[in-house]
Amino acid sequence: MPLLTPDDMFRLLRAAGGEPEGTELTEDALDVAFDDLGYDSLALLEVSTRVEREFGVQLADEIIVELRTPRAFVEHVNGTTVR
């Protein structure tokens, strides 16, 4: 089973969309909405692609838009079966 850590999530967010000005990707950001962190749906789709490549977990686009925070994303990936 994959184990996507919060640090992995933040690394993937930075790779997909940088770190928006005024945003600190630390543990305090785990429960902050992606929109409030400055990440849009395109950045999350890129993160999803990177998760599939690195962790072997494929996420449906309609699920990705329902995952509102980094914590929700991490928990969903870690609860998904590797293909």
C-alpha atoms as a PDB file:
ATOM      1  CA  MET A   1       0.000   0.000   0.000  1.00  0.00           C
ATOM      2  CA  PRO A   2       1.339   3.446  -0.865  1.00  0.00           C
ATOM      3  CA  LEU A   3       2.125   5.875   1.863  1.00  0.00           C
ATOM      4  CA  LEU A   4       1.813   9.456   0.717  1.00  0.00           C
ATOM      5  CA  THR A   5       3.082  11.629   3.547  1.00  0.00           C
ATOM      6  CA  PRO A   6       2.208  15.292   4.112  1.00  0.00           C
ATOM      7  CA  ASP A   7       5.778  16.147   3.088  1.00  0.00           C
ATOM      8  CA  ASP A   8       5.253  14.225  -0.168  1.00  0.00           C
ATOM      9  CA  MET A   9       2.010  16.122  -0.741  1.00  0.00           C
ATOM     10  CA  PHE A  10       3.675  19.484  -0.233  1.00  0.00           C
ATOM     11  CA  ARG A  11       6.578  18.483  -2.483  1.00  0.00           C
ATOM     12  CA  LEU A  12       4.140  17.475  -5.225  1.00  0.00           C
ATOM     13  CA  LEU A  13       2.151  20.690  -4.827  1.00  0.00           C
ATOM     14  CA  ARG A  14       5.330  22.748  -5.182  1.00  0.00           C
ATOM     15  CA  ALA A  15       6.335  20.764  -8.269  1.00  0.00           C
ATOM     16  CA  ALA A  16       2.892  21.150  -9.825  1.00  0.00           C
ATOM     17  CA  GLY A  17       2.182  24.780  -9.080  1.00  0.00           C
ATOM     18  CA  GLY A  18       5.013  26.334  -7.145  1.00  0.00           C
ATOM     19  CA  GLU A  19       4.395  27.848  -3.753  1.00  0.00           C
ATOM     20  CA  PRO A  20       2.050  30.804  -4.139  1.00  0.00           C
ATOM     21  CA  GLU A  21       3.188  34.038  -2.526  1.00  0.00           C
ATOM     22  CA  GLY A  22       2.118  34.244   1.090  1.00  0.00           C
ATOM     23  CA  THR A  23       1.638  30.477   1.344  1.00  0.00           C
ATOM     24  CA  GLU A  24       3.706  28.308   3.642  1.00  0.00           C
ATOM     25  CA  LEU A  25       3.307  24.613   3.049  1.00  0.00           C
ATOM     26  CA  THR A  26       3.777  23.334   6.563  1.00  0.00           C
ATOM     27  CA  GLU A  27       1.763  21.020   8.783  1.00  0.00           C
ATOM     28  CA  ASP A  28      -0.514  23.975   9.579  1.00  0.00           C
ATOM     29  CA  ALA A  29      -1.622  23.948   5.922  1.00  0.00           C
ATOM     30  CA  LEU A  30      -2.918  20.364   6.002  1.00  0.00           C
ATOM     31  CA  ASP A  31      -6.480  21.444   6.798  1.00  0.00           C
ATOM     32  CA  VAL A  32      -6.557  24.596   4.669  1.00  0.00           C
ATOM     33  CA  ALA A  33      -8.572  24.441   1.453  1.00  0.00           C
ATOM     34  CA  PHE A  34      -6.505  24.181  -1.725  1.00  0.00           C
ATOM     35  CA  ASP A  35      -8.195  27.344  -3.036  1.00  0.00           C
ATOM     36  CA  ASP A  36      -7.110  29.240   0.075  1.00  0.00           C
ATOM     37  CA  LEU A  37      -3.571  27.942  -0.401  1.00  0.00           C
ATOM     38  CA  GLY A  38      -3.575  29.260  -3.974  1.00  0.00           C
ATOM     39  CA  TYR A  39      -3.866  25.956  -5.862  1.00  0.00           C
ATOM     40  CA  ASP A  40      -6.442  25.478  -8.585  1.00  0.00           C
ATOM     41  CA  SER A  41      -7.892  22.345 -10.154  1.00  0.00           C
ATOM     42  CA  LEU A  42      -5.154  22.224 -12.814  1.00  0.00           C
ATOM     43  CA  ALA A  43      -2.469  22.041 -10.127  1.00  0.00           C
ATOM     44  CA  LEU A  44      -4.385  19.238  -8.409  1.00  0.00           C
ATOM     45  CA  LEU A  45      -4.685  17.322 -11.671  1.00  0.00           C
ATOM     46  CA  GLU A  46      -0.920  17.619 -12.046  1.00  0.00           C
ATOM     47  CA  VAL A  47      -0.451  16.369  -8.471  1.00  0.00           C
ATOM     48  CA  SER A  48      -2.741  13.449  -9.299  1.00  0.00           C
ATOM     49  CA  THR A  49      -0.606  12.575 -12.326  1.00  0.00           C
ATOM     50  CA  ARG A  50       2.531  12.680 -10.193  1.00  0.00           C
ATOM     51  CA  VAL A  51       0.874  10.504  -7.507  1.00  0.00           C
ATOM     52  CA  GLU A  52       0.003   7.938 -10.165  1.00  0.00           C
ATOM     53  CA  ARG A  53       3.590   7.899 -11.431  1.00  0.00           C
ATOM     54  CA  GLU A  54       5.281   7.775  -8.032  1.00  0.00           C
ATOM     55  CA  PHE A  55       2.814   5.769  -5.960  1.00  0.00           C
ATOM     56  CA  GLY A  56       0.875   3.748  -8.519  1.00  0.00           C
ATOM     57  CA  VAL A  57      -2.467   5.192  -7.419  1.00  0.00           C
ATOM     58  CA  GLN A  58      -4.845   6.429 -10.087  1.00  0.00           C
ATOM     59  CA  LEU A  59      -7.413   8.992  -8.961  1.00  0.00           C
ATOM     60  CA  ALA A  60     -10.540   9.797 -10.949  1.00  0.00           C
ATOM     61  CA  ASP A  61     -10.833  13.459 -11.933  1.00  0.00           C
ATOM     62  CA  GLU A  62     -14.238  13.739 -10.257  1.00  0.00           C
ATOM     63  CA  ILE A  63     -12.739  12.554  -6.958  1.00  0.00           C
ATOM     64  CA  ILE A  64      -9.861  15.019  -7.124  1.00  0.00           C
ATOM     65  CA  VAL A  65     -12.180  18.029  -7.195  1.00  0.00           C
ATOM     66  CA  GLU A  66     -13.971  16.718  -4.088  1.00  0.00           C
ATOM     67  CA  LEU A  67     -10.754  16.551  -2.061  1.00  0.00           C
ATOM     68  CA  ARG A  68     -10.651  20.033  -0.553  1.00  0.00           C
ATOM     69  CA  THR A  69      -7.509  19.954   1.614  1.00  0.00           C
ATOM     70  CA  PRO A  70      -4.049  18.406   1.538  1.00  0.00           C
ATOM     71  CA  ARG A  71      -5.043  16.148   4.459  1.00  0.00           C
ATOM     72  CA  ALA A  72      -8.110  14.863   2.555  1.00  0.00           C
ATOM     73  CA  PHE A  73      -5.942  14.206  -0.512  1.00  0.00           C
ATOM     74  CA  VAL A  74      -3.312  12.311   1.498  1.00  0.00           C
ATOM     75  CA  GLU A  75      -5.927  10.261   3.345  1.00  0.00           C
ATOM     76  CA  HIS A  76      -7.713   9.389   0.113  1.00  0.00           C
ATOM     77  CA  VAL A  77      -4.510   8.291  -1.639  1.00  0.00           C
ATOM     78  CA  ASN A  78      -3.455   6.195   1.351  1.00  0.00           C
ATOM     79  CA  GLY A  79      -6.849   4.498   1.420  1.00  0.00           C
ATOM     80  CA  THR A  80      -6.806   3.653  -2.301  1.00  0.00           C
ATOM     81  CA  THR A  81      -5.603   0.335  -3.716  1.00  0.00           C
ATOM     82  CA  VAL A  82      -2.470   0.398  -5.844  1.00  0.00           C
ATOM     83  CA  ARG A  83      -3.147  -0.678  -9.399  1.00  0.00           C
END
